[in-house]
Amino acid sequence: MDAHDLDAVEALVRTELDAKFEARELALRNCRSIIRSSANAIRALHRSEPEIVEALLAEVRSLVTETAASLSTHPDVHFAGFFWDAVKEYAEAETTRALFAGAPLPLPVDLGVDAVPYLKGLGEAVGELRRRLLDELRSGLLDAAGSTFRQMETIIDFLTSLDYPDGMTGGLRRTTDIARSLIERSRADLTLTVVQERVRRRLDEVAATDP
């Protein structure tokens, strides 16, 4: 065999690998933007800036669609991990927005993401709910904080019910464990604040009845 016998092989493999490389590079660039814009959207949610949130998430949706299309013929790159890591952040932003608004959660198919990164994003949204709960406690909004806490509990109950091997769910159990710890800390914070508020009200009542 001489080198000329490999010309056809080289032409074939270079065509395939060049296309895979281009798809991978596009995905990496887009994934960095997806992660950054999703994080910025969550920050805007906490600042109550809906126009900024929508603009950022519209940009992310476009990037997710473009990236998924470019990887559709390269499943080895698609499931390499970095794309799922990016869309997990997008799922977190979209589910957090729905939870804050009291709206129905978007489905994974609505977002164009797979079930596993969606679930991990939903699990991480518990952290954003905790941040909101603490803001509500600081503002004296105990009823709102109680409602936020119930959202957190509903999510953890759902995630805990998904009893699948960790290899299938990409480490969802760890995400669930972290969310559970955040809920327990939030339960303590909420309970302490409610008790303090009851004591304060009782002291005010006593002070008002003193001659």
N, C-alpha and C. Protein backbone atom coordinates (compact mmCIF):
# COMPACT_ATOMS: atom_id res chain seq x y z
N MET A 1 0.85 -1.21 0.00
CA MET A 1 0.00 0.00 0.00
C MET A 1 0.88 1.25 0.00
N ASP A 2 0.57 2.21 -0.87
CA ASP A 2 1.31 3.47 -0.84
C ASP A 2 0.38 4.58 -0.36
N ALA A 3 0.97 5.79 -0.27
CA ALA A 3 0.23 6.92 0.30
C ALA A 3 -1.00 7.27 -0.50
N HIS A 4 -0.97 6.97 -1.81
CA HIS A 4 -2.11 7.34 -2.65
C HIS A 4 -3.37 6.57 -2.26
N ASP A 5 -3.18 5.38 -1.65
CA ASP A 5 -4.34 4.60 -1.23
C ASP A 5 -5.13 5.29 -0.12
N LEU A 6 -4.48 6.22 0.57
CA LEU A 6 -5.14 6.90 1.69
C LEU A 6 -5.80 8.21 1.28
N ASP A 7 -5.67 8.60 0.04
CA ASP A 7 -6.25 9.87 -0.39
C ASP A 7 -7.76 9.90 -0.19
N ALA A 8 -8.42 8.81 -0.59
CA ALA A 8 -9.87 8.78 -0.44
C ALA A 8 -10.27 8.77 1.03
N VAL A 9 -9.50 8.04 1.86
CA VAL A 9 -9.77 8.01 3.30
C VAL A 9 -9.60 9.41 3.89
N GLU A 10 -8.52 10.07 3.51
CA GLU A 10 -8.27 11.41 4.05
C GLU A 10 -9.38 12.37 3.67
N ALA A 11 -9.81 12.33 2.42
CA ALA A 11 -10.86 13.23 1.97
C ALA A 11 -12.15 13.01 2.77
N LEU A 12 -12.46 11.75 3.01
CA LEU A 12 -13.68 11.43 3.74
C LEU A 12 -13.60 11.87 5.19
N VAL A 13 -12.51 11.49 5.87
CA VAL A 13 -12.43 11.79 7.30
C VAL A 13 -12.26 13.28 7.54
N ARG A 14 -11.55 13.96 6.67
CA ARG A 14 -11.38 15.40 6.84
C ARG A 14 -12.73 16.12 6.68
N THR A 15 -13.53 15.68 5.74
CA THR A 15 -14.86 16.28 5.57
C THR A 15 -15.69 16.10 6.82
N GLU A 16 -15.66 14.88 7.35
CA GLU A 16 -16.45 14.60 8.55
C GLU A 16 -15.92 15.36 9.76
N LEU A 17 -14.62 15.31 9.98
CA LEU A 17 -14.05 15.94 11.17
C LEU A 17 -14.06 17.46 11.08
N ASP A 18 -13.90 18.02 9.88
CA ASP A 18 -14.00 19.47 9.73
C ASP A 18 -15.40 19.94 10.11
N ALA A 19 -16.42 19.21 9.66
CA ALA A 19 -17.80 19.59 9.99
C ALA A 19 -18.04 19.48 11.49
N LYS A 20 -17.52 18.41 12.09
CA LYS A 20 -17.68 18.22 13.54
C LYS A 20 -16.96 19.33 14.31
N PHE A 21 -15.76 19.68 13.85
CA PHE A 21 -14.99 20.72 14.53
C PHE A 21 -15.71 22.06 14.46
N GLU A 22 -16.24 22.39 13.28
CA GLU A 22 -16.97 23.66 13.12
C GLU A 22 -18.20 23.70 14.02
N ALA A 23 -18.93 22.57 14.08
CA ALA A 23 -20.10 22.51 14.95
C ALA A 23 -19.70 22.66 16.42
N ARG A 24 -18.60 22.04 16.80
CA ARG A 24 -18.13 22.12 18.17
C ARG A 24 -17.73 23.55 18.53
N GLU A 25 -17.00 24.21 17.64
CA GLU A 25 -16.55 25.58 17.91
C GLU A 25 -17.74 26.52 18.02
N LEU A 26 -18.72 26.35 17.13
CA LEU A 26 -19.93 27.17 17.21
C LEU A 26 -20.64 26.93 18.53
N ALA A 27 -20.76 25.65 18.91
CA ALA A 27 -21.44 25.32 20.16
C ALA A 27 -20.73 25.92 21.37
N LEU A 28 -19.41 25.85 21.38
CA LEU A 28 -18.66 26.41 22.51
C LEU A 28 -18.88 27.92 22.62
N ARG A 29 -18.83 28.61 21.49
CA ARG A 29 -19.06 30.07 21.52
C ARG A 29 -20.46 30.38 22.01
N ASN A 30 -21.43 29.67 21.44
CA ASN A 30 -22.81 29.93 21.82
C ASN A 30 -23.08 29.58 23.28
N CYS A 31 -22.47 28.49 23.74
CA CYS A 31 -22.71 28.07 25.13
C CYS A 31 -22.18 29.09 26.13
N ARG A 32 -21.08 29.71 25.81
CA ARG A 32 -20.57 30.77 26.70
C ARG A 32 -21.59 31.91 26.78
N SER A 33 -22.17 32.26 25.64
CA SER A 33 -23.17 33.34 25.62
C SER A 33 -24.45 32.91 26.31
N ILE A 34 -24.84 31.66 26.13
CA ILE A 34 -26.05 31.15 26.79
C ILE A 34 -25.91 31.24 28.30
N ILE A 35 -24.78 30.81 28.83
CA ILE A 35 -24.54 30.84 30.27
C ILE A 35 -24.53 32.27 30.79
N ARG A 36 -23.82 33.15 30.08
CA ARG A 36 -23.72 34.54 30.53
C ARG A 36 -25.08 35.25 30.50
N SER A 37 -25.80 35.10 29.41
CA SER A 37 -27.08 35.80 29.28
C SER A 37 -28.13 35.22 30.22
N SER A 38 -28.08 33.91 30.47
CA SER A 38 -29.03 33.31 31.42
C SER A 38 -28.78 33.85 32.82
N ALA A 39 -27.51 33.95 33.20
CA ALA A 39 -27.18 34.50 34.53
C ALA A 39 -27.63 35.96 34.64
N ASN A 40 -27.42 36.73 33.58
CA ASN A 40 -27.85 38.13 33.59
C ASN A 40 -29.37 38.24 33.67
N ALA A 41 -30.08 37.30 33.01
CA ALA A 41 -31.53 37.31 33.07
C ALA A 41 -32.02 37.05 34.49
N ILE A 42 -31.37 36.13 35.19
CA ILE A 42 -31.76 35.85 36.58
C ILE A 42 -31.52 37.06 37.46
N ARG A 43 -30.38 37.74 37.25
CA ARG A 43 -30.13 38.96 38.03
C ARG A 43 -31.20 40.01 37.75
N ALA A 44 -31.61 40.13 36.48
CA ALA A 44 -32.66 41.09 36.14
C ALA A 44 -34.00 40.70 36.75
N LEU A 45 -34.25 39.40 36.88
CA LEU A 45 -35.48 38.95 37.54
C LEU A 45 -35.52 39.44 38.99
N HIS A 46 -34.41 39.32 39.68
CA HIS A 46 -34.36 39.76 41.08
C HIS A 46 -34.50 41.28 41.18
N ARG A 47 -34.12 41.99 40.14
CA ARG A 47 -34.24 43.45 40.14
C ARG A 47 -35.58 43.92 39.57
N SER A 48 -36.45 42.97 39.22
CA SER A 48 -37.77 43.28 38.64
C SER A 48 -37.63 44.14 37.38
N GLU A 49 -36.86 43.63 36.43
CA GLU A 49 -36.65 44.31 35.14
C GLU A 49 -37.12 43.39 34.01
N PRO A 50 -38.43 43.27 33.83
CA PRO A 50 -38.98 42.28 32.88
C PRO A 50 -38.56 42.49 31.44
N GLU A 51 -38.38 43.74 31.02
CA GLU A 51 -37.99 43.97 29.63
C GLU A 51 -36.59 43.43 29.36
N ILE A 52 -35.70 43.63 30.32
CA ILE A 52 -34.34 43.11 30.16
C ILE A 52 -34.35 41.58 30.18
N VAL A 53 -35.16 41.02 31.07
CA VAL A 53 -35.27 39.57 31.15
C VAL A 53 -35.71 38.99 29.81
N GLU A 54 -36.75 39.56 29.23
CA GLU A 54 -37.29 39.03 27.98
C GLU A 54 -36.27 39.16 26.85
N ALA A 55 -35.58 40.29 26.79
CA ALA A 55 -34.59 40.48 25.73
C ALA A 55 -33.46 39.46 25.85
N LEU A 56 -33.00 39.25 27.06
CA LEU A 56 -31.91 38.30 27.27
C LEU A 56 -32.34 36.87 26.95
N LEU A 57 -33.53 36.49 27.40
CA LEU A 57 -33.97 35.12 27.18
C LEU A 57 -34.33 34.88 25.72
N ALA A 58 -34.80 35.91 25.02
CA ALA A 58 -35.03 35.76 23.57
C ALA A 58 -33.72 35.49 22.86
N GLU A 59 -32.67 36.19 23.28
CA GLU A 59 -31.34 35.94 22.70
C GLU A 59 -30.88 34.52 22.99
N VAL A 60 -31.11 34.07 24.22
CA VAL A 60 -30.68 32.72 24.60
C VAL A 60 -31.46 31.67 23.81
N ARG A 61 -32.77 31.86 23.66
CA ARG A 61 -33.57 30.90 22.90
C ARG A 61 -33.03 30.73 21.50
N SER A 62 -32.67 31.83 20.88
CA SER A 62 -32.11 31.78 19.53
C SER A 62 -30.80 31.01 19.50
N LEU A 63 -29.96 31.23 20.48
CA LEU A 63 -28.67 30.54 20.55
C LEU A 63 -28.85 29.04 20.80
N VAL A 64 -29.80 28.70 21.66
CA VAL A 64 -30.06 27.28 21.94
C VAL A 64 -30.54 26.58 20.68
N THR A 65 -31.45 27.22 19.96
CA THR A 65 -31.96 26.63 18.72
C THR A 65 -30.86 26.44 17.70
N GLU A 66 -30.03 27.46 17.53
CA GLU A 66 -28.94 27.38 16.57
C GLU A 66 -27.95 26.29 16.95
N THR A 67 -27.62 26.21 18.22
CA THR A 67 -26.64 25.22 18.68
C THR A 67 -27.18 23.81 18.54
N ALA A 68 -28.43 23.61 18.93
CA ALA A 68 -29.02 22.28 18.82
C ALA A 68 -29.06 21.81 17.37
N ALA A 69 -29.36 22.73 16.47
CA ALA A 69 -29.40 22.38 15.05
C ALA A 69 -28.01 22.00 14.55
N SER A 70 -27.00 22.75 14.98
CA SER A 70 -25.64 22.48 14.50
C SER A 70 -25.11 21.15 15.04
N LEU A 71 -25.61 20.73 16.20
CA LEU A 71 -25.14 19.48 16.81
C LEU A 71 -26.02 18.28 16.49
N SER A 72 -27.09 18.50 15.74
CA SER A 72 -28.06 17.42 15.50
C SER A 72 -27.44 16.23 14.79
N THR A 73 -26.42 16.47 13.96
CA THR A 73 -25.76 15.36 13.25
C THR A 73 -24.45 14.96 13.93
N HIS A 74 -24.21 15.50 15.12
CA HIS A 74 -22.99 15.18 15.87
C HIS A 74 -23.36 14.84 17.31
N PRO A 75 -24.05 13.72 17.52
CA PRO A 75 -24.51 13.38 18.88
C PRO A 75 -23.38 13.23 19.88
N ASP A 76 -22.19 12.84 19.42
CA ASP A 76 -21.08 12.70 20.36
C ASP A 76 -20.68 14.04 20.95
N VAL A 77 -20.79 15.11 20.17
CA VAL A 77 -20.52 16.45 20.68
C VAL A 77 -21.70 16.95 21.51
N HIS A 78 -22.90 16.66 21.02
CA HIS A 78 -24.12 17.12 21.70
C HIS A 78 -24.14 16.64 23.15
N PHE A 79 -23.76 15.38 23.35
CA PHE A 79 -23.83 14.80 24.70
C PHE A 79 -22.48 14.84 25.42
N ALA A 80 -21.57 15.68 24.95
CA ALA A 80 -20.25 15.75 25.57
C ALA A 80 -20.30 16.42 26.94
N GLY A 81 -21.33 17.20 27.20
CA GLY A 81 -21.47 17.80 28.53
C GLY A 81 -21.62 19.31 28.52
N PHE A 82 -20.83 20.00 27.70
CA PHE A 82 -20.84 21.46 27.81
C PHE A 82 -22.16 22.06 27.31
N PHE A 83 -22.80 21.42 26.32
CA PHE A 83 -24.08 21.95 25.84
C PHE A 83 -25.15 21.78 26.92
N TRP A 84 -25.19 20.60 27.54
CA TRP A 84 -26.16 20.39 28.62
C TRP A 84 -25.91 21.34 29.79
N ASP A 85 -24.65 21.61 30.10
CA ASP A 85 -24.34 22.57 31.17
C ASP A 85 -24.91 23.94 30.84
N ALA A 86 -24.82 24.32 29.58
CA ALA A 86 -25.31 25.64 29.17
C ALA A 86 -26.84 25.71 29.22
N VAL A 87 -27.51 24.70 28.63
CA VAL A 87 -28.96 24.76 28.61
C VAL A 87 -29.56 24.55 30.00
N LYS A 88 -28.80 23.94 30.91
CA LYS A 88 -29.25 23.86 32.30
C LYS A 88 -29.42 25.27 32.86
N GLU A 89 -28.47 26.16 32.55
CA GLU A 89 -28.57 27.55 33.02
C GLU A 89 -29.77 28.25 32.41
N TYR A 90 -30.03 27.95 31.13
CA TYR A 90 -31.19 28.53 30.46
C TYR A 90 -32.48 28.02 31.11
N ALA A 91 -32.55 26.71 31.38
CA ALA A 91 -33.72 26.15 32.03
C ALA A 91 -33.93 26.77 33.40
N GLU A 92 -32.85 26.99 34.12
CA GLU A 92 -32.95 27.65 35.43
C GLU A 92 -33.57 29.03 35.30
N ALA A 93 -33.11 29.80 34.32
CA ALA A 93 -33.64 31.15 34.13
C ALA A 93 -35.11 31.13 33.77
N GLU A 94 -35.50 30.24 32.85
CA GLU A 94 -36.90 30.20 32.41
C GLU A 94 -37.81 29.69 33.52
N THR A 95 -37.39 28.68 34.26
CA THR A 95 -38.24 28.17 35.34
C THR A 95 -38.31 29.16 36.50
N THR A 96 -37.22 29.86 36.75
CA THR A 96 -37.23 30.89 37.80
C THR A 96 -38.21 32.00 37.43
N ARG A 97 -38.19 32.40 36.17
CA ARG A 97 -39.12 33.45 35.74
C ARG A 97 -40.57 33.01 35.96
N ALA A 98 -40.88 31.77 35.58
CA ALA A 98 -42.25 31.28 35.76
C ALA A 98 -42.62 31.20 37.24
N LEU A 99 -41.70 30.73 38.06
CA LEU A 99 -41.97 30.61 39.50
C LEU A 99 -42.19 31.98 40.13
N PHE A 100 -41.39 32.94 39.76
CA PHE A 100 -41.54 34.30 40.31
C PHE A 100 -42.89 34.89 39.91
N ALA A 101 -43.34 34.58 38.70
CA ALA A 101 -44.60 35.14 38.20
C ALA A 101 -45.82 34.35 38.65
N GLY A 102 -45.58 33.17 39.26
CA GLY A 102 -46.69 32.31 39.62
C GLY A 102 -47.36 31.71 38.40
N ALA A 103 -46.60 31.58 37.31
CA ALA A 103 -47.12 31.06 36.05
C ALA A 103 -46.80 29.57 35.94
N PRO A 104 -47.50 28.84 35.05
CA PRO A 104 -47.16 27.43 34.83
C PRO A 104 -45.73 27.28 34.36
N LEU A 105 -45.07 26.23 34.82
CA LEU A 105 -43.70 25.99 34.39
C LEU A 105 -43.67 25.62 32.91
N PRO A 106 -42.72 26.15 32.15
CA PRO A 106 -42.56 25.69 30.77
C PRO A 106 -42.10 24.25 30.76
N LEU A 107 -42.51 23.51 29.76
CA LEU A 107 -42.06 22.13 29.62
C LEU A 107 -40.69 22.09 28.94
N PRO A 108 -39.94 21.02 29.13
CA PRO A 108 -38.65 20.92 28.43
C PRO A 108 -38.78 21.11 26.93
N VAL A 109 -39.84 20.55 26.34
CA VAL A 109 -40.02 20.67 24.90
C VAL A 109 -40.29 22.12 24.51
N ASP A 110 -40.93 22.88 25.39
CA ASP A 110 -41.18 24.30 25.12
C ASP A 110 -39.87 25.07 25.00
N LEU A 111 -38.87 24.64 25.78
CA LEU A 111 -37.59 25.33 25.80
C LEU A 111 -36.60 24.74 24.80
N GLY A 112 -36.95 23.59 24.25
CA GLY A 112 -36.02 22.94 23.32
C GLY A 112 -34.83 22.32 24.01
N VAL A 113 -35.03 21.85 25.25
CA VAL A 113 -33.93 21.24 26.00
C VAL A 113 -34.31 19.83 26.41
N ASP A 114 -33.32 19.01 26.73
CA ASP A 114 -33.56 17.65 27.17
C ASP A 114 -34.01 17.64 28.63
N ALA A 115 -34.56 16.48 29.04
CA ALA A 115 -35.14 16.38 30.38
C ALA A 115 -34.11 16.58 31.48
N VAL A 116 -32.92 15.99 31.32
CA VAL A 116 -31.93 16.04 32.41
C VAL A 116 -31.47 17.46 32.71
N PRO A 117 -31.00 18.24 31.73
CA PRO A 117 -30.60 19.61 32.07
C PRO A 117 -31.78 20.46 32.54
N TYR A 118 -32.97 20.16 32.05
CA TYR A 118 -34.15 20.88 32.54
C TYR A 118 -34.35 20.64 34.03
N LEU A 119 -34.28 19.37 34.43
CA LEU A 119 -34.50 19.03 35.84
C LEU A 119 -33.42 19.64 36.73
N LYS A 120 -32.18 19.62 36.25
CA LYS A 120 -31.11 20.21 37.05
C LYS A 120 -31.28 21.73 37.14
N GLY A 121 -31.75 22.35 36.05
CA GLY A 121 -32.03 23.78 36.10
C GLY A 121 -33.14 24.10 37.07
N LEU A 122 -34.19 23.26 37.08
CA LEU A 122 -35.29 23.44 38.02
C LEU A 122 -34.80 23.29 39.45
N GLY A 123 -33.92 22.32 39.67
CA GLY A 123 -33.36 22.14 41.01
C GLY A 123 -32.57 23.36 41.46
N GLU A 124 -31.82 23.94 40.54
CA GLU A 124 -31.02 25.11 40.90
C GLU A 124 -31.89 26.36 41.06
N ALA A 125 -33.09 26.35 40.47
CA ALA A 125 -34.01 27.47 40.67
C ALA A 125 -34.43 27.59 42.14
N VAL A 126 -34.30 26.50 42.89
CA VAL A 126 -34.59 26.55 44.33
C VAL A 126 -33.70 27.58 45.01
N GLY A 127 -32.45 27.68 44.57
CA GLY A 127 -31.54 28.67 45.14
C GLY A 127 -32.01 30.09 44.88
N GLU A 128 -32.59 30.32 43.70
CA GLU A 128 -33.12 31.66 43.39
C GLU A 128 -34.37 31.94 44.22
N LEU A 129 -35.16 30.90 44.47
CA LEU A 129 -36.33 31.08 45.33
C LEU A 129 -35.90 31.39 46.76
N ARG A 130 -34.81 30.77 47.22
CA ARG A 130 -34.32 31.09 48.57
C ARG A 130 -33.90 32.56 48.65
N ARG A 131 -33.21 33.02 47.62
CA ARG A 131 -32.80 34.42 47.60
C ARG A 131 -34.04 35.33 47.66
N ARG A 132 -35.07 34.96 46.91
CA ARG A 132 -36.29 35.77 46.94
C ARG A 132 -36.94 35.72 48.31
N LEU A 133 -36.98 34.52 48.91
CA LEU A 133 -37.57 34.38 50.24
C LEU A 133 -36.86 35.27 51.25
N LEU A 134 -35.54 35.31 51.20
CA LEU A 134 -34.80 36.16 52.14
C LEU A 134 -35.11 37.63 51.91
N ASP A 135 -35.25 38.04 50.66
CA ASP A 135 -35.63 39.42 50.35
C ASP A 135 -37.01 39.73 50.93
N GLU A 136 -37.93 38.77 50.81
CA GLU A 136 -39.29 38.96 51.33
C GLU A 136 -39.28 39.04 52.85
N LEU A 137 -38.46 38.22 53.49
CA LEU A 137 -38.38 38.28 54.95
C LEU A 137 -37.82 39.62 55.41
N ARG A 138 -36.80 40.10 54.72
CA ARG A 138 -36.23 41.40 55.09
C ARG A 138 -37.24 42.53 54.92
N SER A 139 -38.16 42.36 53.97
CA SER A 139 -39.17 43.39 53.71
C SER A 139 -40.42 43.20 54.56
N GLY A 140 -40.42 42.15 55.40
CA GLY A 140 -41.58 41.91 56.26
C GLY A 140 -42.75 41.27 55.54
N LEU A 141 -42.52 40.70 54.36
CA LEU A 141 -43.60 40.09 53.57
C LEU A 141 -43.70 38.61 53.92
N LEU A 142 -44.26 38.33 55.08
CA LEU A 142 -44.27 36.96 55.59
C LEU A 142 -45.18 36.04 54.77
N ASP A 143 -46.31 36.55 54.33
CA ASP A 143 -47.21 35.72 53.52
C ASP A 143 -46.54 35.35 52.19
N ALA A 144 -45.90 36.32 51.57
CA ALA A 144 -45.21 36.06 50.31
C ALA A 144 -44.06 35.07 50.52
N ALA A 145 -43.35 35.23 51.63
CA ALA A 145 -42.25 34.31 51.93
C ALA A 145 -42.77 32.90 52.14
N GLY A 146 -43.91 32.78 52.79
CA GLY A 146 -44.52 31.46 52.99
C GLY A 146 -44.90 30.83 51.66
N SER A 147 -45.42 31.62 50.75
CA SER A 147 -45.77 31.11 49.42
C SER A 147 -44.53 30.66 48.65
N THR A 148 -43.46 31.44 48.75
CA THR A 148 -42.21 31.07 48.09
C THR A 148 -41.66 29.78 48.67
N PHE A 149 -41.76 29.64 49.97
CA PHE A 149 -41.27 28.41 50.61
C PHE A 149 -42.05 27.19 50.13
N ARG A 150 -43.35 27.35 49.96
CA ARG A 150 -44.16 26.22 49.47
C ARG A 150 -43.76 25.84 48.05
N GLN A 151 -43.39 26.82 47.23
CA GLN A 151 -42.88 26.50 45.89
C GLN A 151 -41.61 25.65 45.99
N MET A 152 -40.73 26.05 46.89
CA MET A 152 -39.50 25.29 47.08
C MET A 152 -39.79 23.85 47.49
N GLU A 153 -40.72 23.68 48.43
CA GLU A 153 -41.06 22.33 48.88
C GLU A 153 -41.66 21.49 47.76
N THR A 154 -42.50 22.10 46.95
CA THR A 154 -43.12 21.37 45.84
C THR A 154 -42.07 20.85 44.87
N ILE A 155 -41.08 21.69 44.58
CA ILE A 155 -40.01 21.28 43.66
C ILE A 155 -39.21 20.12 44.23
N ILE A 156 -38.83 20.22 45.50
CA ILE A 156 -37.99 19.16 46.08
C ILE A 156 -38.78 17.86 46.19
N ASP A 157 -40.07 17.93 46.47
CA ASP A 157 -40.88 16.72 46.52
C ASP A 157 -40.90 16.05 45.14
N PHE A 158 -41.02 16.85 44.10
CA PHE A 158 -41.04 16.31 42.74
C PHE A 158 -39.70 15.69 42.38
N LEU A 159 -38.61 16.41 42.63
CA LEU A 159 -37.30 15.90 42.26
C LEU A 159 -36.95 14.63 43.04
N THR A 160 -37.34 14.58 44.28
CA THR A 160 -37.07 13.41 45.10
C THR A 160 -37.81 12.18 44.59
N SER A 161 -38.96 12.41 43.97
CA SER A 161 -39.76 11.28 43.47
C SER A 161 -39.16 10.64 42.22
N LEU A 162 -38.19 11.29 41.59
CA LEU A 162 -37.58 10.77 40.36
C LEU A 162 -36.44 9.83 40.72
N ASP A 163 -36.80 8.61 40.99
CA ASP A 163 -35.83 7.62 41.48
C ASP A 163 -35.21 6.86 40.32
N TYR A 164 -34.27 7.50 39.64
CA TYR A 164 -33.56 6.88 38.52
C TYR A 164 -32.07 6.84 38.85
N PRO A 165 -31.35 5.91 38.21
CA PRO A 165 -29.89 5.85 38.45
C PRO A 165 -29.21 7.17 38.15
N ASP A 166 -28.25 7.53 38.98
CA ASP A 166 -27.58 8.81 38.83
C ASP A 166 -26.85 8.91 37.49
N GLY A 167 -26.42 7.79 36.94
CA GLY A 167 -25.77 7.82 35.65
C GLY A 167 -26.70 8.26 34.54
N MET A 168 -28.01 8.03 34.72
CA MET A 168 -28.99 8.45 33.74
C MET A 168 -29.32 9.93 33.86
N THR A 169 -29.27 10.43 35.08
CA THR A 169 -29.74 11.79 35.33
C THR A 169 -28.61 12.80 35.51
N GLY A 170 -27.39 12.40 35.21
CA GLY A 170 -26.28 13.35 35.18
C GLY A 170 -26.00 14.07 36.47
N GLY A 171 -26.14 13.39 37.60
CA GLY A 171 -25.85 14.02 38.89
C GLY A 171 -27.01 14.79 39.47
N LEU A 172 -28.24 14.46 39.04
CA LEU A 172 -29.41 15.16 39.57
C LEU A 172 -29.54 14.98 41.07
N ARG A 173 -29.12 13.82 41.57
CA ARG A 173 -29.24 13.57 43.01
C ARG A 173 -28.46 14.61 43.82
N ARG A 174 -27.29 14.98 43.35
CA ARG A 174 -26.51 16.00 44.07
C ARG A 174 -27.23 17.34 44.04
N THR A 175 -27.79 17.70 42.87
CA THR A 175 -28.56 18.94 42.77
C THR A 175 -29.73 18.92 43.75
N THR A 176 -30.39 17.77 43.83
CA THR A 176 -31.53 17.62 44.74
C THR A 176 -31.09 17.74 46.19
N ASP A 177 -29.96 17.15 46.53
CA ASP A 177 -29.46 17.23 47.90
C ASP A 177 -29.13 18.68 48.29
N ILE A 178 -28.53 19.42 47.36
CA ILE A 178 -28.22 20.83 47.64
C ILE A 178 -29.51 21.62 47.82
N ALA A 179 -30.49 21.37 46.95
CA ALA A 179 -31.78 22.06 47.07
C ALA A 179 -32.44 21.75 48.41
N ARG A 180 -32.35 20.49 48.82
CA ARG A 180 -32.96 20.11 50.11
C ARG A 180 -32.30 20.86 51.27
N SER A 181 -30.98 21.01 51.22
CA SER A 181 -30.30 21.74 52.30
C SER A 181 -30.72 23.21 52.31
N LEU A 182 -30.92 23.78 51.13
CA LEU A 182 -31.37 25.18 51.05
C LEU A 182 -32.77 25.33 51.63
N ILE A 183 -33.61 24.33 51.39
CA ILE A 183 -34.97 24.37 51.91
C ILE A 183 -34.97 24.28 53.44
N GLU A 184 -34.13 23.44 54.00
CA GLU A 184 -34.08 23.32 55.45
C GLU A 184 -33.59 24.61 56.09
N ARG A 185 -32.60 25.24 55.48
CA ARG A 185 -32.13 26.54 55.99
C ARG A 185 -33.23 27.58 55.87
N SER A 186 -33.97 27.54 54.76
CA SER A 186 -35.06 28.50 54.56
C SER A 186 -36.18 28.26 55.55
N ARG A 187 -36.44 26.98 55.87
CA ARG A 187 -37.46 26.67 56.86
C ARG A 187 -37.09 27.29 58.21
N ALA A 188 -35.82 27.17 58.58
CA ALA A 188 -35.36 27.75 59.85
C ALA A 188 -35.48 29.27 59.82
N ASP A 189 -35.08 29.90 58.72
CA ASP A 189 -35.17 31.36 58.61
C ASP A 189 -36.62 31.82 58.69
N LEU A 190 -37.50 31.13 57.99
CA LEU A 190 -38.91 31.52 57.97
C LEU A 190 -39.53 31.33 59.35
N THR A 191 -39.24 30.20 59.98
CA THR A 191 -39.80 29.93 61.31
C THR A 191 -39.33 30.97 62.32
N LEU A 192 -38.04 31.27 62.30
CA LEU A 192 -37.50 32.25 63.25
C LEU A 192 -38.16 33.61 63.04
N THR A 193 -38.32 34.02 61.79
CA THR A 193 -38.91 35.33 61.52
C THR A 193 -40.37 35.39 61.95
N VAL A 194 -41.11 34.31 61.71
CA VAL A 194 -42.51 34.26 62.12
C VAL A 194 -42.63 34.34 63.64
N VAL A 195 -41.79 33.59 64.36
CA VAL A 195 -41.82 33.63 65.81
C VAL A 195 -41.47 35.02 66.32
N GLN A 196 -40.43 35.63 65.75
CA GLN A 196 -40.06 36.99 66.17
C GLN A 196 -41.19 37.98 65.93
N GLU A 197 -41.89 37.82 64.81
CA GLU A 197 -42.99 38.73 64.51
C GLU A 197 -44.14 38.55 65.50
N ARG A 198 -44.41 37.31 65.89
CA ARG A 198 -45.45 37.07 66.88
C ARG A 198 -45.08 37.69 68.23
N VAL A 199 -43.82 37.54 68.62
CA VAL A 199 -43.36 38.13 69.87
C VAL A 199 -43.48 39.64 69.82
N ARG A 200 -43.07 40.22 68.69
CA ARG A 200 -43.14 41.68 68.55
C ARG A 200 -44.57 42.18 68.68
N ARG A 201 -45.50 41.48 68.01
CA ARG A 201 -46.90 41.89 68.06
C ARG A 201 -47.45 41.76 69.49
N ARG A 202 -47.05 40.68 70.17
CA ARG A 202 -47.53 40.50 71.55
C ARG A 202 -47.00 41.60 72.46
N LEU A 203 -45.73 41.95 72.28
CA LEU A 203 -45.16 43.03 73.09
C LEU A 203 -45.86 44.34 72.81
N ASP A 204 -46.19 44.58 71.55
CA ASP A 204 -46.92 45.80 71.19
C ASP A 204 -48.30 45.82 71.84
N GLU A 205 -48.97 44.65 71.87
CA GLU A 205 -50.29 44.57 72.51
C GLU A 205 -50.18 44.85 74.01
N VAL A 206 -49.17 44.27 74.62
CA VAL A 206 -48.98 44.50 76.06
C VAL A 206 -48.69 45.95 76.34
N ALA A 207 -47.82 46.54 75.51
CA ALA A 207 -47.47 47.95 75.70
C ALA A 207 -48.68 48.84 75.52
N ALA A 208 -49.58 48.46 74.59
CA ALA A 208 -50.76 49.29 74.34
C ALA A 208 -51.77 49.21 75.47
N THR A 209 -51.78 48.14 76.26
CA THR A 209 -52.74 47.99 77.34
C THR A 209 -52.22 48.50 78.67
N ASP A 210 -50.91 48.78 78.75
CA ASP A 210 -50.37 49.31 79.99
C ASP A 210 -50.88 50.72 80.23
N PRO A 211 -51.24 51.00 81.46
CA PRO A 211 -51.71 52.35 81.79
C PRO A 211 -50.59 53.37 81.69
